[in-house]
Amino acid sequence: MTEWDNFEDHLRASLRRVEAPAGLQERILHAARLRRLRRQLWLRAAAVLLLVISAAAYGVFWRLQVRARQAEQARRQLELAIQITNRRLSQVEQQLSSIGVKTIRFEEVSQ
């Protein structure tokens, strides 16, 4: 036998059909199911996390909106109070002017 024949025999032996080990198909299918299950679990976890983050962001946004409305209401109330005070001071100034008072002297009262 030549070295070439030896090589061909070796090659034929290497390429001959070999039966799969018992249970190989079940192990492969089981591994595929596990990968699919892990992927589904990961996607569900990501979806839950996204939902939680979205809910938290909405809660913060809603709270900021409530505070903005409260601040706007306080601003309107302050404007109204200033308008009322301004009108009342004008009335007092007119009354004082009608009786001849031009200036009012204020003194600090100590306790």
C-alpha atoms as a PDB file:
ATOM      1  CA  MET A   1       0.000   0.000   0.000  1.00  0.00           C
ATOM      2  CA  THR A   2       1.202   3.415  -0.907  1.00  0.00           C
ATOM      3  CA  GLU A   3       1.014   6.499   1.149  1.00  0.00           C
ATOM      4  CA  TRP A   4      -1.720   7.757  -1.173  1.00  0.00           C
ATOM      5  CA  ASP A   5      -3.834   4.643  -0.551  1.00  0.00           C
ATOM      6  CA  ASN A   6      -3.328   5.056   3.148  1.00  0.00           C
ATOM      7  CA  PHE A   7      -4.505   8.665   2.846  1.00  0.00           C
ATOM      8  CA  GLU A   8      -7.625   7.630   0.902  1.00  0.00           C
ATOM      9  CA  ASP A   9      -8.481   4.944   3.462  1.00  0.00           C
ATOM     10  CA  HIS A  10      -8.034   7.426   6.213  1.00  0.00           C
ATOM     11  CA  LEU A  11     -10.186   9.956   4.359  1.00  0.00           C
ATOM     12  CA  ARG A  12     -12.935   7.360   3.701  1.00  0.00           C
ATOM     13  CA  ALA A  13     -12.946   6.399   7.369  1.00  0.00           C
ATOM     14  CA  SER A  14     -13.197  10.048   8.374  1.00  0.00           C
ATOM     15  CA  LEU A  15     -16.078  10.709   5.980  1.00  0.00           C
ATOM     16  CA  ARG A  16     -18.149   7.609   6.695  1.00  0.00           C
ATOM     17  CA  ARG A  17     -21.581   8.151   8.181  1.00  0.00           C
ATOM     18  CA  VAL A  18     -21.648   8.058  11.960  1.00  0.00           C
ATOM     19  CA  GLU A  19     -24.895   7.593  13.841  1.00  0.00           C
ATOM     20  CA  ALA A  20     -25.851  10.394  16.185  1.00  0.00           C
ATOM     21  CA  PRO A  21     -25.588   9.625  19.881  1.00  0.00           C
ATOM     22  CA  ALA A  22     -28.789   8.592  21.586  1.00  0.00           C
ATOM     23  CA  GLY A  23     -30.874  11.564  22.740  1.00  0.00           C
ATOM     24  CA  LEU A  24     -28.973  14.145  20.658  1.00  0.00           C
ATOM     25  CA  GLN A  25     -32.144  15.386  18.935  1.00  0.00           C
ATOM     26  CA  GLU A  26     -33.937  15.803  22.275  1.00  0.00           C
ATOM     27  CA  ARG A  27     -30.969  17.706  23.735  1.00  0.00           C
ATOM     28  CA  ILE A  28     -30.822  20.009  20.728  1.00  0.00           C
ATOM     29  CA  LEU A  29     -34.578  20.683  20.841  1.00  0.00           C
ATOM     30  CA  HIS A  30     -34.419  21.216  24.608  1.00  0.00           C
ATOM     31  CA  ALA A  31     -31.547  23.699  24.204  1.00  0.00           C
ATOM     32  CA  ALA A  32     -33.505  25.525  21.493  1.00  0.00           C
ATOM     33  CA  ARG A  33     -36.580  25.710  23.736  1.00  0.00           C
ATOM     34  CA  LEU A  34     -34.445  27.056  26.589  1.00  0.00           C
ATOM     35  CA  ARG A  35     -32.967  29.756  24.344  1.00  0.00           C
ATOM     36  CA  ARG A  36     -36.446  30.745  23.155  1.00  0.00           C
ATOM     37  CA  LEU A  37     -37.743  30.783  26.752  1.00  0.00           C
ATOM     38  CA  ARG A  38     -34.805  32.912  27.924  1.00  0.00           C
ATOM     39  CA  ARG A  39     -35.393  35.333  25.056  1.00  0.00           C
ATOM     40  CA  GLN A  40     -39.106  35.558  25.916  1.00  0.00           C
ATOM     41  CA  LEU A  41     -38.324  36.119  29.593  1.00  0.00           C
ATOM     42  CA  TRP A  42     -35.804  38.810  28.712  1.00  0.00           C
ATOM     43  CA  LEU A  43     -38.303  40.534  26.420  1.00  0.00           C
ATOM     44  CA  ARG A  44     -41.004  40.376  29.096  1.00  0.00           C
ATOM     45  CA  ALA A  45     -38.619  41.766  31.701  1.00  0.00           C
ATOM     46  CA  ALA A  46     -37.640  44.558  29.312  1.00  0.00           C
ATOM     47  CA  ALA A  47     -41.322  45.305  28.640  1.00  0.00           C
ATOM     48  CA  VAL A  48     -42.091  45.436  32.370  1.00  0.00           C
ATOM     49  CA  LEU A  49     -39.084  47.684  32.976  1.00  0.00           C
ATOM     50  CA  LEU A  50     -40.184  49.972  30.152  1.00  0.00           C
ATOM     51  CA  LEU A  51     -43.688  50.087  31.614  1.00  0.00           C
ATOM     52  CA  VAL A  52     -42.363  50.958  35.082  1.00  0.00           C
ATOM     53  CA  ILE A  53     -40.093  53.682  33.686  1.00  0.00           C
ATOM     54  CA  SER A  54     -42.955  55.076  31.597  1.00  0.00           C
ATOM     55  CA  ALA A  55     -45.295  55.109  34.601  1.00  0.00           C
ATOM     56  CA  ALA A  56     -42.667  56.844  36.736  1.00  0.00           C
ATOM     57  CA  ALA A  57     -41.992  59.424  34.025  1.00  0.00           C
ATOM     58  CA  TYR A  58     -45.724  60.063  33.643  1.00  0.00           C
ATOM     59  CA  GLY A  59     -46.037  60.449  37.413  1.00  0.00           C
ATOM     60  CA  VAL A  60     -43.244  63.017  37.485  1.00  0.00           C
ATOM     61  CA  PHE A  61     -44.744  64.840  34.489  1.00  0.00           C
ATOM     62  CA  TRP A  62     -48.202  64.838  36.092  1.00  0.00           C
ATOM     63  CA  ARG A  63     -46.804  66.153  39.393  1.00  0.00           C
ATOM     64  CA  LEU A  64     -44.951  68.932  37.560  1.00  0.00           C
ATOM     65  CA  GLN A  65     -48.171  69.856  35.765  1.00  0.00           C
ATOM     66  CA  VAL A  66     -50.039  70.013  39.084  1.00  0.00           C
ATOM     67  CA  ARG A  67     -47.332  72.235  40.569  1.00  0.00           C
ATOM     68  CA  ALA A  68     -47.378  74.478  37.498  1.00  0.00           C
ATOM     69  CA  ARG A  69     -51.161  74.880  37.823  1.00  0.00           C
ATOM     70  CA  GLN A  70     -50.808  75.644  41.535  1.00  0.00           C
ATOM     71  CA  ALA A  71     -48.072  78.198  40.827  1.00  0.00           C
ATOM     72  CA  GLU A  72     -50.230  79.851  38.160  1.00  0.00           C
ATOM     73  CA  GLN A  73     -53.184  79.991  40.557  1.00  0.00           C
ATOM     74  CA  ALA A  74     -50.980  81.528  43.285  1.00  0.00           C
ATOM     75  CA  ARG A  75     -49.670  84.092  40.775  1.00  0.00           C
ATOM     76  CA  ARG A  76     -53.234  85.088  39.799  1.00  0.00           C
ATOM     77  CA  GLN A  77     -54.237  85.369  43.463  1.00  0.00           C
ATOM     78  CA  LEU A  78     -51.195  87.552  44.177  1.00  0.00           C
ATOM     79  CA  GLU A  79     -52.013  89.793  41.190  1.00  0.00           C
ATOM     80  CA  LEU A  80     -55.586  90.148  42.443  1.00  0.00           C
ATOM     81  CA  ALA A  81     -54.397  90.959  45.953  1.00  0.00           C
ATOM     82  CA  ILE A  82     -52.011  93.597  44.565  1.00  0.00           C
ATOM     83  CA  GLN A  83     -54.810  95.116  42.436  1.00  0.00           C
ATOM     84  CA  ILE A  84     -57.167  95.242  45.453  1.00  0.00           C
ATOM     85  CA  THR A  85     -54.433  96.758  47.626  1.00  0.00           C
ATOM     86  CA  ASN A  86     -53.570  99.290  44.928  1.00  0.00           C
ATOM     87  CA  ARG A  87     -57.248 100.322  44.579  1.00  0.00           C
ATOM     88  CA  ARG A  88     -57.627 100.642  48.345  1.00  0.00           C
ATOM     89  CA  LEU A  89     -54.430 102.689  48.631  1.00  0.00           C
ATOM     90  CA  SER A  90     -55.690 104.971  45.853  1.00  0.00           C
ATOM     91  CA  GLN A  91     -58.962 105.435  47.729  1.00  0.00           C
ATOM     92  CA  VAL A  92     -57.114 106.215  50.971  1.00  0.00           C
ATOM     93  CA  GLU A  93     -54.829 108.641  49.111  1.00  0.00           C
ATOM     94  CA  GLN A  94     -57.885 110.430  47.639  1.00  0.00           C
ATOM     95  CA  GLN A  95     -59.553 110.621  51.063  1.00  0.00           C
ATOM     96  CA  LEU A  96     -56.380 112.011  52.646  1.00  0.00           C
ATOM     97  CA  SER A  97     -55.947 114.447  49.778  1.00  0.00           C
ATOM     98  CA  SER A  98     -59.571 115.621  50.165  1.00  0.00           C
ATOM     99  CA  ILE A  99     -58.922 116.585  53.785  1.00  0.00           C
ATOM    100  CA  GLY A 100     -55.656 118.311  52.945  1.00  0.00           C
ATOM    101  CA  VAL A 101     -53.092 115.697  54.012  1.00  0.00           C
ATOM    102  CA  LYS A 102     -50.156 115.712  51.594  1.00  0.00           C
ATOM    103  CA  THR A 103     -47.673 113.470  53.418  1.00  0.00           C
ATOM    104  CA  ILE A 104     -47.872 110.986  56.223  1.00  0.00           C
ATOM    105  CA  ARG A 105     -45.044 110.594  58.668  1.00  0.00           C
ATOM    106  CA  PHE A 106     -44.343 107.069  59.862  1.00  0.00           C
ATOM    107  CA  GLU A 107     -42.637 106.257  63.125  1.00  0.00           C
ATOM    108  CA  GLU A 108     -41.229 102.947  64.187  1.00  0.00           C
ATOM    109  CA  VAL A 109     -42.880 101.551  67.279  1.00  0.00           C
ATOM    110  CA  SER A 110     -40.604  99.645  69.652  1.00  0.00           C
ATOM    111  CA  GLN A 111     -41.918  96.995  71.916  1.00  0.00           C
END
